[in-house]
Amino acid sequence: MTKDILISIKGLQFESGSDEAVEMIAPGEYYLRNGKHYVLYDEMQEGVDGSHDISKNTLKIAKDTVEIMKKGGSNVHLVFQENQKNMTYYTTPFGQLLISIFTNHIAIKEKDDVIEVKLRYDLEINQSYVSDCEITIYVMEKDAQSSL
């Protein structure tokens, strides 16, 4: 895979009575180090006063673990490990939240020009169940987008 990539993140939350979908596509940089995939990308986030902050994000994909680290207007280090619960603090401009993630399933498919990651997990905020969630992440060479 080349250094210059596109990352596509599609998320879905299954809440009682309604499903909420989110999708984001951004350019980024890809590195392979010590058998782990690293993706660096920026994400625009709305600030408290309506201004926009840029979050510097790092996605780390290993054999059985996926990590998402965000630094900027919001800060968090999420760790997804199948059949494990991980807790972290999510610092936002509005305050700090305790996030718990129980990862039900991780599937990673690697091709020459695309990496596909599927995550299914239960989300708790401040020790209260919020929803079941799914995230699908595609890391692809810029010209591989048509193969999805």
C-alpha atoms as a PDB file:
ATOM      1  CA  MET A   1       0.000   0.000   0.000  1.00  0.00           C
ATOM      2  CA  THR A   2       1.207   3.505  -0.757  1.00  0.00           C
ATOM      3  CA  LYS A   3       1.815   6.216   1.833  1.00  0.00           C
ATOM      4  CA  ASP A   4      -1.004   8.478   0.545  1.00  0.00           C
ATOM      5  CA  ILE A   5      -4.383   6.904   1.286  1.00  0.00           C
ATOM      6  CA  LEU A   6      -8.054   7.593   1.861  1.00  0.00           C
ATOM      7  CA  ILE A   7      -9.748   6.414   5.026  1.00  0.00           C
ATOM      8  CA  SER A   8     -13.478   5.764   5.138  1.00  0.00           C
ATOM      9  CA  ILE A   9     -15.187   5.231   8.488  1.00  0.00           C
ATOM     10  CA  LYS A  10     -18.816   4.154   8.588  1.00  0.00           C
ATOM     11  CA  GLY A  11     -20.440   3.879  11.982  1.00  0.00           C
ATOM     12  CA  LEU A  12     -23.851   2.672  13.076  1.00  0.00           C
ATOM     13  CA  GLN A  13     -25.399   2.864  16.544  1.00  0.00           C
ATOM     14  CA  PHE A  14     -28.356   0.626  17.336  1.00  0.00           C
ATOM     15  CA  GLU A  15     -30.417   2.435  19.958  1.00  0.00           C
ATOM     16  CA  SER A  16     -33.877   1.558  21.174  1.00  0.00           C
ATOM     17  CA  GLY A  17     -36.253   2.597  18.412  1.00  0.00           C
ATOM     18  CA  SER A  18     -33.739   4.275  16.106  1.00  0.00           C
ATOM     19  CA  ASP A  19     -30.488   3.555  14.299  1.00  0.00           C
ATOM     20  CA  GLU A  20     -28.002   6.363  13.750  1.00  0.00           C
ATOM     21  CA  ALA A  21     -25.487   6.187  10.891  1.00  0.00           C
ATOM     22  CA  VAL A  22     -22.356   8.299  10.487  1.00  0.00           C
ATOM     23  CA  GLU A  23     -19.828   8.317   7.644  1.00  0.00           C
ATOM     24  CA  MET A  24     -16.548  10.152   7.211  1.00  0.00           C
ATOM     25  CA  ILE A  25     -13.955  10.081   4.414  1.00  0.00           C
ATOM     26  CA  ALA A  26     -10.572  11.793   4.755  1.00  0.00           C
ATOM     27  CA  PRO A  27      -7.141  11.725   3.144  1.00  0.00           C
ATOM     28  CA  GLY A  28      -4.367  10.327   5.278  1.00  0.00           C
ATOM     29  CA  GLU A  29      -0.975   8.705   5.522  1.00  0.00           C
ATOM     30  CA  TYR A  30      -0.274   4.985   5.885  1.00  0.00           C
ATOM     31  CA  TYR A  31       2.729   3.242   7.464  1.00  0.00           C
ATOM     32  CA  LEU A  32       3.537  -0.398   8.200  1.00  0.00           C
ATOM     33  CA  ARG A  33       5.838  -0.825  11.205  1.00  0.00           C
ATOM     34  CA  ASN A  34       6.676  -4.035  13.076  1.00  0.00           C
ATOM     35  CA  GLY A  35       3.727  -5.838  11.467  1.00  0.00           C
ATOM     36  CA  LYS A  36       1.229  -3.159  12.551  1.00  0.00           C
ATOM     37  CA  HIS A  37      -0.679  -0.801  10.255  1.00  0.00           C
ATOM     38  CA  TYR A  38      -0.724   2.895  11.167  1.00  0.00           C
ATOM     39  CA  VAL A  39      -3.030   5.459   9.587  1.00  0.00           C
ATOM     40  CA  LEU A  40      -2.748   9.179  10.354  1.00  0.00           C
ATOM     41  CA  TYR A  41      -5.598  11.510   9.363  1.00  0.00           C
ATOM     42  CA  ASP A  42      -7.211  14.790  10.387  1.00  0.00           C
ATOM     43  CA  GLU A  43     -10.864  15.199  11.296  1.00  0.00           C
ATOM     44  CA  MET A  44     -12.832  18.447  11.500  1.00  0.00           C
ATOM     45  CA  GLN A  45     -14.879  18.820  14.698  1.00  0.00           C
ATOM     46  CA  GLU A  46     -17.239  21.591  15.746  1.00  0.00           C
ATOM     47  CA  GLY A  47     -16.061  23.524  18.793  1.00  0.00           C
ATOM     48  CA  VAL A  48     -18.099  24.797  21.739  1.00  0.00           C
ATOM     49  CA  ASP A  49     -18.579  28.265  20.229  1.00  0.00           C
ATOM     50  CA  GLY A  50     -19.433  27.030  16.728  1.00  0.00           C
ATOM     51  CA  SER A  51     -15.832  27.274  15.564  1.00  0.00           C
ATOM     52  CA  HIS A  52     -14.090  24.247  14.073  1.00  0.00           C
ATOM     53  CA  ASP A  53     -11.206  22.313  15.598  1.00  0.00           C
ATOM     54  CA  ILE A  54      -8.994  19.836  13.802  1.00  0.00           C
ATOM     55  CA  SER A  55      -8.436  16.532  15.555  1.00  0.00           C
ATOM     56  CA  LYS A  56      -5.212  14.652  14.747  1.00  0.00           C
ATOM     57  CA  ASN A  57      -6.139  10.959  14.624  1.00  0.00           C
ATOM     58  CA  THR A  58      -4.070   7.794  14.605  1.00  0.00           C
ATOM     59  CA  LEU A  59      -5.503   4.391  13.762  1.00  0.00           C
ATOM     60  CA  LYS A  60      -3.362   1.400  14.765  1.00  0.00           C
ATOM     61  CA  ILE A  61      -4.343  -2.012  13.409  1.00  0.00           C
ATOM     62  CA  ALA A  62      -2.667  -5.143  14.789  1.00  0.00           C
ATOM     63  CA  LYS A  63      -3.547  -8.826  14.434  1.00  0.00           C
ATOM     64  CA  ASP A  64      -6.185  -8.825  17.196  1.00  0.00           C
ATOM     65  CA  THR A  65      -6.339  -5.215  18.409  1.00  0.00           C
ATOM     66  CA  VAL A  66      -7.518  -1.945  16.888  1.00  0.00           C
ATOM     67  CA  GLU A  67      -6.726   1.395  18.530  1.00  0.00           C
ATOM     68  CA  ILE A  68      -8.097   4.829  17.711  1.00  0.00           C
ATOM     69  CA  MET A  69      -6.309   7.834  19.203  1.00  0.00           C
ATOM     70  CA  LYS A  70      -7.649  11.386  18.842  1.00  0.00           C
ATOM     71  CA  LYS A  71      -5.843  14.575  19.876  1.00  0.00           C
ATOM     72  CA  GLY A  72      -7.194  18.086  19.476  1.00  0.00           C
ATOM     73  CA  GLY A  73     -10.554  19.551  20.505  1.00  0.00           C
ATOM     74  CA  SER A  74     -11.440  16.098  21.854  1.00  0.00           C
ATOM     75  CA  ASN A  75      -8.935  13.590  23.222  1.00  0.00           C
ATOM     76  CA  VAL A  76      -9.403   9.841  23.564  1.00  0.00           C
ATOM     77  CA  HIS A  77      -7.547   6.541  23.207  1.00  0.00           C
ATOM     78  CA  LEU A  78     -10.003   3.758  22.328  1.00  0.00           C
ATOM     79  CA  VAL A  79      -8.832   0.131  22.417  1.00  0.00           C
ATOM     80  CA  PHE A  80     -10.831  -2.646  20.744  1.00  0.00           C
ATOM     81  CA  GLN A  81      -9.921  -6.236  21.715  1.00  0.00           C
ATOM     82  CA  GLU A  82     -12.360  -9.055  20.992  1.00  0.00           C
ATOM     83  CA  ASN A  83     -14.305 -10.285  24.052  1.00  0.00           C
ATOM     84  CA  GLN A  84     -12.690  -7.671  26.293  1.00  0.00           C
ATOM     85  CA  LYS A  85     -13.969  -4.540  27.983  1.00  0.00           C
ATOM     86  CA  ASN A  86     -11.733  -1.469  27.826  1.00  0.00           C
ATOM     87  CA  MET A  87     -12.369   1.802  29.642  1.00  0.00           C
ATOM     88  CA  THR A  88     -10.988   5.259  28.906  1.00  0.00           C
ATOM     89  CA  TYR A  89     -11.728   8.919  29.465  1.00  0.00           C
ATOM     90  CA  TYR A  90     -13.015  10.916  26.509  1.00  0.00           C
ATOM     91  CA  THR A  91     -12.121  14.563  26.999  1.00  0.00           C
ATOM     92  CA  THR A  92     -14.343  16.967  25.039  1.00  0.00           C
ATOM     93  CA  PRO A  93     -14.749  20.761  25.077  1.00  0.00           C
ATOM     94  CA  PHE A  94     -17.947  20.102  27.060  1.00  0.00           C
ATOM     95  CA  GLY A  95     -16.283  17.974  29.762  1.00  0.00           C
ATOM     96  CA  GLN A  96     -14.913  14.506  30.421  1.00  0.00           C
ATOM     97  CA  LEU A  97     -16.804  11.232  29.884  1.00  0.00           C
ATOM     98  CA  LEU A  98     -15.935   7.721  31.039  1.00  0.00           C
ATOM     99  CA  ILE A  99     -16.249   5.466  27.974  1.00  0.00           C
ATOM    100  CA  SER A 100     -16.462   1.665  28.231  1.00  0.00           C
ATOM    101  CA  ILE A 101     -16.236  -0.528  25.145  1.00  0.00           C
ATOM    102  CA  PHE A 102     -16.941  -4.257  25.143  1.00  0.00           C
ATOM    103  CA  THR A 103     -15.767  -5.544  21.763  1.00  0.00           C
ATOM    104  CA  ASN A 104     -17.929  -8.406  20.486  1.00  0.00           C
ATOM    105  CA  HIS A 105     -16.198  -8.932  17.149  1.00  0.00           C
ATOM    106  CA  ILE A 106     -13.150  -7.802  15.156  1.00  0.00           C
ATOM    107  CA  ALA A 107     -12.621  -8.765  11.494  1.00  0.00           C
ATOM    108  CA  ILE A 108      -9.609  -7.534   9.549  1.00  0.00           C
ATOM    109  CA  LYS A 109      -9.197  -8.238   5.822  1.00  0.00           C
ATOM    110  CA  GLU A 110      -5.998  -7.199   4.076  1.00  0.00           C
ATOM    111  CA  LYS A 111      -5.458  -6.839   0.323  1.00  0.00           C
ATOM    112  CA  ASP A 112      -2.617  -5.152  -1.534  1.00  0.00           C
ATOM    113  CA  ASP A 113      -4.430  -1.820  -1.834  1.00  0.00           C
ATOM    114  CA  VAL A 114      -7.227  -2.015   0.800  1.00  0.00           C
ATOM    115  CA  ILE A 115      -7.517  -2.893   4.489  1.00  0.00           C
ATOM    116  CA  GLU A 116     -11.040  -3.484   5.814  1.00  0.00           C
ATOM    117  CA  VAL A 117     -11.726  -3.467   9.553  1.00  0.00           C
ATOM    118  CA  LYS A 118     -15.124  -4.336  11.047  1.00  0.00           C
ATOM    119  CA  LEU A 119     -15.802  -3.764  14.731  1.00  0.00           C
ATOM    120  CA  ARG A 120     -18.934  -4.625  16.727  1.00  0.00           C
ATOM    121  CA  TYR A 121     -19.094  -3.419  20.310  1.00  0.00           C
ATOM    122  CA  ASP A 122     -21.302  -2.372  23.215  1.00  0.00           C
ATOM    123  CA  LEU A 123     -20.906   1.249  24.317  1.00  0.00           C
ATOM    124  CA  GLU A 124     -21.319   2.577  27.856  1.00  0.00           C
ATOM    125  CA  ILE A 125     -20.900   6.204  28.899  1.00  0.00           C
ATOM    126  CA  ASN A 126     -20.385   7.007  32.582  1.00  0.00           C
ATOM    127  CA  GLN A 127     -21.247   3.383  33.444  1.00  0.00           C
ATOM    128  CA  SER A 128     -24.620   3.495  31.659  1.00  0.00           C
ATOM    129  CA  TYR A 129     -25.356   1.359  28.597  1.00  0.00           C
ATOM    130  CA  VAL A 130     -25.867   3.535  25.494  1.00  0.00           C
ATOM    131  CA  SER A 131     -26.022   1.265  22.438  1.00  0.00           C
ATOM    132  CA  ASP A 132     -24.676  -1.564  20.306  1.00  0.00           C
ATOM    133  CA  CYS A 133     -22.358  -0.155  17.653  1.00  0.00           C
ATOM    134  CA  GLU A 134     -20.698  -1.188  14.414  1.00  0.00           C
ATOM    135  CA  ILE A 135     -17.797   0.507  12.686  1.00  0.00           C
ATOM    136  CA  THR A 136     -16.450  -0.390   9.253  1.00  0.00           C
ATOM    137  CA  ILE A 137     -13.118   1.177   8.328  1.00  0.00           C
ATOM    138  CA  TYR A 138     -11.588   1.093   4.869  1.00  0.00           C
ATOM    139  CA  VAL A 139      -7.977   2.171   4.394  1.00  0.00           C
ATOM    140  CA  MET A 140      -7.279   2.331   0.668  1.00  0.00           C
ATOM    141  CA  GLU A 141      -4.879   3.688  -1.861  1.00  0.00           C
ATOM    142  CA  LYS A 142      -6.385   6.829  -3.379  1.00  0.00           C
ATOM    143  CA  ASP A 143      -6.985   5.135  -6.748  1.00  0.00           C
ATOM    144  CA  ALA A 144      -8.452   1.948  -5.175  1.00  0.00           C
ATOM    145  CA  GLN A 145     -11.678   3.657  -4.073  1.00  0.00           C
ATOM    146  CA  SER A 146     -13.614   2.269  -7.033  1.00  0.00           C
ATOM    147  CA  SER A 147     -12.936  -1.337  -5.938  1.00  0.00           C
ATOM    148  CA  LEU A 148     -15.191  -1.091  -2.858  1.00  0.00           C
END
